[in-house]
Every structure is written in structure tokens, then in C-alpha cells.
Amino acid sequence: DELPQLINILIGDMSFVGPRPFVAEYKKLYTSKQFKRH
């Protein structure tokens, strides 16, 4: 089910290796330290 993310990598939104992208709604819940994952 993850294979279409090759498109995300090709267009520059993602990398092959990195922290998995969480849903956008979580962004407002992060501490400043947790946000460094981005």
C-alpha cells in the first residue's frame, strides 16, 4: 500500500529514509523538541 509514495519521493516531498510523516493534525500537538523531527 506504500508503493505510491515513490511519487512523493520523486517530487521531493519525501525521502527513502527519514521519520515517517504523521498526519497534519498532529502538528499543533508537538512540543518544540518533538517538532525537530521535521
All heavy atoms as atom14 arrays in JSON, in Angstrom:
{
  "sequence": "DELPQLINILIGDMSFVGPRPFVAEYKKLYTSKQFKRH",
  "atom14_mask": [
    [1, 1, 1, 1, 1, 1, 1, 1, 0, 0, 0, 0, 0, 0],
    [1, 1, 1, 1, 1, 1, 1, 1, 1, 0, 0, 0, 0, 0],
    [1, 1, 1, 1, 1, 1, 1, 1, 0, 0, 0, 0, 0, 0],
    [1, 1, 1, 1, 1, 1, 1, 0, 0, 0, 0, 0, 0, 0],
    [1, 1, 1, 1, 1, 1, 1, 1, 1, 0, 0, 0, 0, 0],
    [1, 1, 1, 1, 1, 1, 1, 1, 0, 0, 0, 0, 0, 0],
    [1, 1, 1, 1, 1, 1, 1, 1, 0, 0, 0, 0, 0, 0],
    [1, 1, 1, 1, 1, 1, 1, 1, 0, 0, 0, 0, 0, 0],
    [1, 1, 1, 1, 1, 1, 1, 1, 0, 0, 0, 0, 0, 0],
    [1, 1, 1, 1, 1, 1, 1, 1, 0, 0, 0, 0, 0, 0],
    [1, 1, 1, 1, 1, 1, 1, 1, 0, 0, 0, 0, 0, 0],
    [1, 1, 1, 1, 0, 0, 0, 0, 0, 0, 0, 0, 0, 0],
    [1, 1, 1, 1, 1, 1, 1, 1, 0, 0, 0, 0, 0, 0],
    [1, 1, 1, 1, 1, 1, 1, 1, 0, 0, 0, 0, 0, 0],
    [1, 1, 1, 1, 1, 1, 0, 0, 0, 0, 0, 0, 0, 0],
    [1, 1, 1, 1, 1, 1, 1, 1, 1, 1, 1, 0, 0, 0],
    [1, 1, 1, 1, 1, 1, 1, 0, 0, 0, 0, 0, 0, 0],
    [1, 1, 1, 1, 0, 0, 0, 0, 0, 0, 0, 0, 0, 0],
    [1, 1, 1, 1, 1, 1, 1, 0, 0, 0, 0, 0, 0, 0],
    [1, 1, 1, 1, 1, 1, 1, 1, 1, 1, 1, 0, 0, 0],
    [1, 1, 1, 1, 1, 1, 1, 0, 0, 0, 0, 0, 0, 0],
    [1, 1, 1, 1, 1, 1, 1, 1, 1, 1, 1, 0, 0, 0],
    [1, 1, 1, 1, 1, 1, 1, 0, 0, 0, 0, 0, 0, 0],
    [1, 1, 1, 1, 1, 0, 0, 0, 0, 0, 0, 0, 0, 0],
    [1, 1, 1, 1, 1, 1, 1, 1, 1, 0, 0, 0, 0, 0],
    [1, 1, 1, 1, 1, 1, 1, 1, 1, 1, 1, 1, 0, 0],
    [1, 1, 1, 1, 1, 1, 1, 1, 1, 0, 0, 0, 0, 0],
    [1, 1, 1, 1, 1, 1, 1, 1, 1, 0, 0, 0, 0, 0],
    [1, 1, 1, 1, 1, 1, 1, 1, 0, 0, 0, 0, 0, 0],
    [1, 1, 1, 1, 1, 1, 1, 1, 1, 1, 1, 1, 0, 0],
    [1, 1, 1, 1, 1, 1, 1, 0, 0, 0, 0, 0, 0, 0],
    [1, 1, 1, 1, 1, 1, 0, 0, 0, 0, 0, 0, 0, 0],
    [1, 1, 1, 1, 1, 1, 1, 1, 1, 0, 0, 0, 0, 0],
    [1, 1, 1, 1, 1, 1, 1, 1, 1, 0, 0, 0, 0, 0],
    [1, 1, 1, 1, 1, 1, 1, 1, 1, 1, 1, 0, 0, 0],
    [1, 1, 1, 1, 1, 1, 1, 1, 1, 0, 0, 0, 0, 0],
    [1, 1, 1, 1, 1, 1, 1, 1, 1, 1, 1, 0, 0, 0],
    [1, 1, 1, 1, 1, 1, 1, 1, 1, 1, 0, 0, 0, 0]
  ],
  "atom14_positions": [
    [[0.82, -1.21, 0.0], [0.0, 0.0, 0.0], [0.86, 1.26, 0.0], [0.4, 2.34, -0.37], [-0.95, 0.01, 1.21], [-0.21, 0.02, 2.54], [0.79, -0.72, 2.66], [-0.64, 0.74, 3.45], [0.0, 0.0, 0.0], [0.0, 0.0, 0.0], [0.0, 0.0, 0.0], [0.0, 0.0, 0.0], [0.0, 0.0, 0.0], [0.0, 0.0, 0.0]],
    [[2.13, 1.13, 0.4], [3.03, 2.28, 0.49], [3.7, 2.64, -0.83], [4.3, 3.72, -0.96], [4.13, 2.0, 1.53], [3.63, 1.52, 2.88], [3.09, 2.62, 3.76], [3.12, 3.79, 3.31], [2.66, 2.34, 4.88], [0.0, 0.0, 0.0], [0.0, 0.0, 0.0], [0.0, 0.0, 0.0], [0.0, 0.0, 0.0], [0.0, 0.0, 0.0]],
    [[3.63, 1.77, -1.83], [4.38, 1.98, -3.08], [4.11, 3.31, -3.78], [5.03, 3.89, -4.36], [4.11, 0.82, -4.03], [4.79, -0.5, -3.67], [4.38, -1.6, -4.64], [6.3, -0.35, -3.64], [0.0, 0.0, 0.0], [0.0, 0.0, 0.0], [0.0, 0.0, 0.0], [0.0, 0.0, 0.0], [0.0, 0.0, 0.0], [0.0, 0.0, 0.0]],
    [[2.86, 3.84, -3.76], [2.65, 5.15, -4.41], [3.47, 6.29, -3.82], [3.59, 7.35, -4.44], [1.14, 5.38, -4.21], [0.56, 4.01, -4.17], [1.58, 3.22, -3.38], [0.0, 0.0, 0.0], [0.0, 0.0, 0.0], [0.0, 0.0, 0.0], [0.0, 0.0, 0.0], [0.0, 0.0, 0.0], [0.0, 0.0, 0.0], [0.0, 0.0, 0.0]],
    [[4.07, 6.06, -2.65], [4.91, 7.1, -2.06], [6.19, 7.31, -2.85], [6.93, 8.28, -2.59], [5.21, 6.77, -0.6], [4.01, 6.98, 0.31], [4.11, 6.26, 1.62], [5.13, 6.35, 2.3], [3.07, 5.52, 2.0], [0.0, 0.0, 0.0], [0.0, 0.0, 0.0], [0.0, 0.0, 0.0], [0.0, 0.0, 0.0], [0.0, 0.0, 0.0]],
    [[6.46, 6.44, -3.81], [7.58, 6.68, -4.71], [7.36, 8.0, -5.46], [8.32, 8.7, -5.79], [7.72, 5.53, -5.71], [8.21, 4.2, -5.12], [8.06, 3.08, -6.15], [9.66, 4.32, -4.66], [0.0, 0.0, 0.0], [0.0, 0.0, 0.0], [0.0, 0.0, 0.0], [0.0, 0.0, 0.0], [0.0, 0.0, 0.0], [0.0, 0.0, 0.0]],
    [[6.1, 8.33, -5.7], [5.77, 9.61, -6.34], [6.11, 10.75, -5.4], [6.65, 11.78, -5.83], [4.28, 9.65, -6.73], [3.97, 8.57, -7.75], [3.9, 11.03, -7.28], [2.49, 8.43, -8.07], [0.0, 0.0, 0.0], [0.0, 0.0, 0.0], [0.0, 0.0, 0.0], [0.0, 0.0, 0.0], [0.0, 0.0, 0.0], [0.0, 0.0, 0.0]],
    [[5.79, 10.59, -4.11], [6.13, 11.62, -3.12], [7.63, 11.87, -3.07], [8.08, 13.0, -2.9], [5.65, 11.2, -1.73], [4.14, 11.28, -1.56], [3.47, 10.28, -1.31], [3.59, 12.48, -1.7], [0.0, 0.0, 0.0], [0.0, 0.0, 0.0], [0.0, 0.0, 0.0], [0.0, 0.0, 0.0], [0.0, 0.0, 0.0], [0.0, 0.0, 0.0]],
    [[8.4, 10.79, -3.2], [9.85, 10.92, -3.18], [10.34, 11.61, -4.45], [11.2, 12.5, -4.41], [10.53, 9.54, -3.02], [10.12, 8.9, -1.7], [12.05, 9.68, -3.1], [10.6, 7.46, -1.53], [0.0, 0.0, 0.0], [0.0, 0.0, 0.0], [0.0, 0.0, 0.0], [0.0, 0.0, 0.0], [0.0, 0.0, 0.0], [0.0, 0.0, 0.0]],
    [[9.78, 11.21, -5.57], [10.19, 11.78, -6.86], [9.96, 13.28, -6.92], [10.8, 14.02, -7.44], [9.44, 11.09, -7.99], [9.76, 11.55, -9.41], [11.22, 11.27, -9.76], [8.84, 10.87, -10.42], [0.0, 0.0, 0.0], [0.0, 0.0, 0.0], [0.0, 0.0, 0.0], [0.0, 0.0, 0.0], [0.0, 0.0, 0.0], [0.0, 0.0, 0.0]],
    [[8.84, 13.76, -6.37], [8.53, 15.18, -6.45], [9.14, 15.98, -5.29], [8.99, 17.2, -5.22], [7.01, 15.43, -6.51], [6.32, 14.94, -5.23], [6.42, 14.77, -7.74], [4.81, 15.16, -5.23], [0.0, 0.0, 0.0], [0.0, 0.0, 0.0], [0.0, 0.0, 0.0], [0.0, 0.0, 0.0], [0.0, 0.0, 0.0], [0.0, 0.0, 0.0]],
    [[9.82, 15.28, -4.38], [10.58, 15.98, -3.34], [9.89, 16.16, -2.01], [10.44, 16.84, -1.13], [0.0, 0.0, 0.0], [0.0, 0.0, 0.0], [0.0, 0.0, 0.0], [0.0, 0.0, 0.0], [0.0, 0.0, 0.0], [0.0, 0.0, 0.0], [0.0, 0.0, 0.0], [0.0, 0.0, 0.0], [0.0, 0.0, 0.0], [0.0, 0.0, 0.0]],
    [[8.71, 15.58, -1.81], [8.02, 15.71, -0.52], [8.62, 14.79, 0.53], [8.54, 15.08, 1.73], [6.54, 15.36, -0.66], [5.77, 16.42, -1.42], [6.16, 17.6, -1.35], [4.78, 16.07, -2.1], [0.0, 0.0, 0.0], [0.0, 0.0, 0.0], [0.0, 0.0, 0.0], [0.0, 0.0, 0.0], [0.0, 0.0, 0.0], [0.0, 0.0, 0.0]],
    [[9.18, 13.66, 0.07], [9.69, 12.66, 0.99], [11.06, 12.16, 0.56], [11.54, 12.48, -0.53], [8.71, 11.47, 1.07], [7.38, 11.77, 1.73], [6.24, 10.34, 1.7], [7.19, 9.11, 2.61], [0.0, 0.0, 0.0], [0.0, 0.0, 0.0], [0.0, 0.0, 0.0], [0.0, 0.0, 0.0], [0.0, 0.0, 0.0], [0.0, 0.0, 0.0]],
    [[11.66, 11.37, 1.43], [12.93, 10.71, 1.16], [12.71, 9.2, 1.34], [11.7, 8.78, 1.88], [14.0, 11.2, 2.15], [15.19, 10.45, 2.02], [0.0, 0.0, 0.0], [0.0, 0.0, 0.0], [0.0, 0.0, 0.0], [0.0, 0.0, 0.0], [0.0, 0.0, 0.0], [0.0, 0.0, 0.0], [0.0, 0.0, 0.0], [0.0, 0.0, 0.0]],
    [[13.65, 8.4, 0.88], [13.54, 6.96, 1.14], [13.69, 6.68, 2.63], [13.04, 5.78, 3.17], [14.6, 6.19, 0.35], [14.17, 5.85, -1.04], [14.66, 6.57, -2.12], [13.28, 4.81, -1.29], [14.27, 6.26, -3.42], [12.88, 4.5, -2.58], [13.38, 5.23, -3.65], [0.0, 0.0, 0.0], [0.0, 0.0, 0.0], [0.0, 0.0, 0.0]],
    [[14.54, 7.45, 3.31], [14.77, 7.24, 4.75], [14.56, 8.54, 5.5], [15.06, 9.6, 5.1], [16.2, 6.72, 5.01], [16.39, 6.47, 6.51], [16.47, 5.44, 4.23], [0.0, 0.0, 0.0], [0.0, 0.0, 0.0], [0.0, 0.0, 0.0], [0.0, 0.0, 0.0], [0.0, 0.0, 0.0], [0.0, 0.0, 0.0], [0.0, 0.0, 0.0]],
    [[13.83, 8.47, 6.59], [13.57, 9.64, 7.43], [12.43, 9.31, 8.39], [11.83, 8.24, 8.29], [0.0, 0.0, 0.0], [0.0, 0.0, 0.0], [0.0, 0.0, 0.0], [0.0, 0.0, 0.0], [0.0, 0.0, 0.0], [0.0, 0.0, 0.0], [0.0, 0.0, 0.0], [0.0, 0.0, 0.0], [0.0, 0.0, 0.0], [0.0, 0.0, 0.0]],
    [[12.11, 10.2, 9.3], [10.98, 9.96, 10.19], [9.69, 9.82, 9.38], [9.47, 10.58, 8.44], [10.94, 11.23, 11.06], [12.33, 11.77, 10.99], [12.81, 11.46, 9.6], [0.0, 0.0, 0.0], [0.0, 0.0, 0.0], [0.0, 0.0, 0.0], [0.0, 0.0, 0.0], [0.0, 0.0, 0.0], [0.0, 0.0, 0.0], [0.0, 0.0, 0.0]],
    [[8.86, 8.85, 9.71], [7.6, 8.68, 8.97], [6.74, 9.92, 9.14], [6.66, 10.51, 10.23], [6.84, 7.46, 9.48], [7.38, 6.16, 8.95], [7.23, 6.02, 7.46], [5.82, 5.92, 7.05], [5.41, 5.97, 5.79], [6.27, 6.17, 4.8], [4.13, 5.86, 5.5], [0.0, 0.0, 0.0], [0.0, 0.0, 0.0], [0.0, 0.0, 0.0]],
    [[6.09, 10.38, 8.06], [5.25, 11.59, 8.15], [3.93, 11.31, 8.87], [3.16, 10.44, 8.43], [5.02, 11.96, 6.68], [5.1, 10.65, 5.96], [6.12, 9.83, 6.69], [0.0, 0.0, 0.0], [0.0, 0.0, 0.0], [0.0, 0.0, 0.0], [0.0, 0.0, 0.0], [0.0, 0.0, 0.0], [0.0, 0.0, 0.0], [0.0, 0.0, 0.0]],
    [[3.69, 12.01, 9.96], [2.44, 11.86, 10.69], [1.36, 12.77, 10.09], [1.67, 13.7, 9.34], [2.63, 12.2, 12.16], [3.57, 11.26, 12.88], [4.36, 11.72, 13.93], [3.66, 9.92, 12.53], [5.22, 10.86, 14.6], [4.51, 9.04, 13.18], [5.3, 9.53, 14.23], [0.0, 0.0, 0.0], [0.0, 0.0, 0.0], [0.0, 0.0, 0.0]],
    [[0.12, 12.51, 10.45], [-0.98, 13.32, 9.91], [-0.79, 14.79, 10.31], [-0.25, 15.1, 11.38], [-2.35, 12.8, 10.39], [-2.61, 11.42, 9.84], [-2.44, 12.8, 11.9], [0.0, 0.0, 0.0], [0.0, 0.0, 0.0], [0.0, 0.0, 0.0], [0.0, 0.0, 0.0], [0.0, 0.0, 0.0], [0.0, 0.0, 0.0], [0.0, 0.0, 0.0]],
    [[-1.24, 15.69, 9.44], [-1.03, 17.12, 9.63], [-1.64, 17.63, 10.93], [-1.14, 18.59, 11.52], [-1.61, 17.89, 8.44], [0.0, 0.0, 0.0], [0.0, 0.0, 0.0], [0.0, 0.0, 0.0], [0.0, 0.0, 0.0], [0.0, 0.0, 0.0], [0.0, 0.0, 0.0], [0.0, 0.0, 0.0], [0.0, 0.0, 0.0], [0.0, 0.0, 0.0]],
    [[-2.72, 16.99, 11.39], [-3.4, 17.45, 12.6], [-2.53, 17.33, 13.84], [-2.76, 18.01, 14.84], [-4.69, 16.63, 12.8], [-5.81, 16.96, 11.83], [-5.58, 16.39, 10.44], [-4.7, 15.5, 10.31], [-6.26, 16.83, 9.49], [0.0, 0.0, 0.0], [0.0, 0.0, 0.0], [0.0, 0.0, 0.0], [0.0, 0.0, 0.0], [0.0, 0.0, 0.0]],
    [[-1.52, 16.47, 13.79], [-0.65, 16.3, 14.96], [0.29, 17.49, 15.16], [0.85, 17.66, 16.24], [0.2, 15.03, 14.81], [-0.55, 13.73, 14.94], [0.09, 12.51, 14.68], [-1.89, 13.69, 15.3], [-0.59, 11.31, 14.78], [-2.57, 12.49, 15.41], [-1.92, 11.3, 15.15], [-2.58, 10.11, 15.26], [0.0, 0.0, 0.0], [0.0, 0.0, 0.0]],
    [[0.49, 18.26, 14.11], [1.49, 19.34, 14.16], [1.28, 20.28, 15.33], [2.23, 20.71, 15.99], [1.47, 20.12, 12.84], [2.54, 21.21, 12.75], [2.72, 21.69, 11.33], [1.48, 22.29, 10.73], [1.75, 22.91, 9.41], [0.0, 0.0, 0.0], [0.0, 0.0, 0.0], [0.0, 0.0, 0.0], [0.0, 0.0, 0.0], [0.0, 0.0, 0.0]],
    [[0.03, 20.6, 15.63], [-0.26, 21.53, 16.71], [-0.08, 20.91, 18.1], [-0.12, 21.62, 19.12], [-1.69, 22.06, 16.59], [-2.77, 21.01, 16.66], [-4.15, 21.66, 16.5], [-5.28, 20.62, 16.57], [-5.24, 19.69, 15.42], [0.0, 0.0, 0.0], [0.0, 0.0, 0.0], [0.0, 0.0, 0.0], [0.0, 0.0, 0.0], [0.0, 0.0, 0.0]],
    [[0.16, 19.59, 18.15], [0.3, 18.9, 19.43], [1.75, 18.7, 19.84], [2.04, 18.34, 20.98], [-0.38, 17.53, 19.36], [-1.88, 17.51, 19.02], [-2.37, 16.07, 18.9], [-2.68, 18.26, 20.08], [0.0, 0.0, 0.0], [0.0, 0.0, 0.0], [0.0, 0.0, 0.0], [0.0, 0.0, 0.0], [0.0, 0.0, 0.0], [0.0, 0.0, 0.0]],
    [[2.7, 18.94, 18.92], [4.11, 18.69, 19.21], [4.69, 19.69, 20.2], [4.32, 20.87, 20.21], [4.95, 18.78, 17.93], [4.64, 17.77, 16.87], [4.7, 18.12, 15.52], [4.3, 16.47, 17.18], [4.43, 17.2, 14.52], [4.03, 15.54, 16.19], [4.1, 15.91, 14.87], [3.83, 15.0, 13.88], [0.0, 0.0, 0.0], [0.0, 0.0, 0.0]],
    [[5.64, 19.23, 20.99], [6.47, 20.13, 21.77], [7.54, 20.66, 20.8], [7.71, 20.13, 19.7], [7.15, 19.41, 22.94], [8.05, 18.41, 22.4], [6.12, 18.72, 23.84], [0.0, 0.0, 0.0], [0.0, 0.0, 0.0], [0.0, 0.0, 0.0], [0.0, 0.0, 0.0], [0.0, 0.0, 0.0], [0.0, 0.0, 0.0], [0.0, 0.0, 0.0]],
    [[8.25, 21.7, 21.23], [9.29, 22.25, 20.35], [10.37, 21.2, 20.07], [10.94, 21.15, 18.97], [9.93, 23.48, 21.0], [10.46, 23.17, 22.28], [0.0, 0.0, 0.0], [0.0, 0.0, 0.0], [0.0, 0.0, 0.0], [0.0, 0.0, 0.0], [0.0, 0.0, 0.0], [0.0, 0.0, 0.0], [0.0, 0.0, 0.0], [0.0, 0.0, 0.0]],
    [[10.65, 20.34, 21.04], [11.64, 19.29, 20.85], [11.13, 18.26, 19.85], [11.86, 17.84, 18.95], [11.96, 18.61, 22.18], [13.02, 17.53, 22.07], [13.33, 16.91, 23.43], [14.39, 15.82, 23.3], [14.7, 15.2, 24.63], [0.0, 0.0, 0.0], [0.0, 0.0, 0.0], [0.0, 0.0, 0.0], [0.0, 0.0, 0.0], [0.0, 0.0, 0.0]],
    [[9.89, 17.83, 19.99], [9.31, 16.84, 19.08], [9.25, 17.36, 17.65], [9.42, 16.6, 16.7], [7.91, 16.45, 19.55], [7.9, 15.64, 20.84], [6.51, 15.48, 21.41], [5.59, 16.25, 21.07], [6.33, 14.52, 22.29], [0.0, 0.0, 0.0], [0.0, 0.0, 0.0], [0.0, 0.0, 0.0], [0.0, 0.0, 0.0], [0.0, 0.0, 0.0]],
    [[9.05, 18.67, 17.5], [8.92, 19.25, 16.16], [10.23, 19.16, 15.37], [10.22, 19.24, 14.14], [8.48, 20.71, 16.26], [7.99, 21.28, 14.96], [6.71, 21.02, 14.52], [8.82, 22.05, 14.16], [6.25, 21.52, 13.3], [8.38, 22.57, 12.95], [7.08, 22.3, 12.52], [0.0, 0.0, 0.0], [0.0, 0.0, 0.0], [0.0, 0.0, 0.0]],
    [[11.34, 18.96, 16.07], [12.64, 18.86, 15.4], [12.72, 17.63, 14.49], [13.62, 17.53, 13.67], [13.77, 18.82, 16.44], [14.0, 20.15, 17.15], [15.17, 20.08, 18.09], [15.41, 21.42, 18.79], [15.76, 22.48, 17.84], [0.0, 0.0, 0.0], [0.0, 0.0, 0.0], [0.0, 0.0, 0.0], [0.0, 0.0, 0.0], [0.0, 0.0, 0.0]],
    [[11.77, 16.7, 14.62], [11.74, 15.56, 13.71], [11.51, 16.01, 12.27], [11.76, 15.28, 11.32], [10.66, 14.55, 14.14], [9.24, 15.03, 13.89], [8.2, 14.12, 14.52], [8.29, 12.74, 14.08], [7.76, 12.27, 12.96], [7.1, 13.09, 12.15], [7.87, 11.01, 12.63], [0.0, 0.0, 0.0], [0.0, 0.0, 0.0], [0.0, 0.0, 0.0]],
    [[11.04, 17.26, 12.13], [10.78, 17.81, 10.8], [11.96, 18.63, 10.26], [11.81, 19.34, 9.27], [9.52, 18.68, 10.84], [8.29, 17.92, 11.2], [7.77, 16.92, 10.41], [7.48, 17.99, 12.3], [6.69, 16.41, 10.99], [6.5, 17.04, 12.13], [0.0, 0.0, 0.0], [0.0, 0.0, 0.0], [0.0, 0.0, 0.0], [0.0, 0.0, 0.0]]
  ]
}
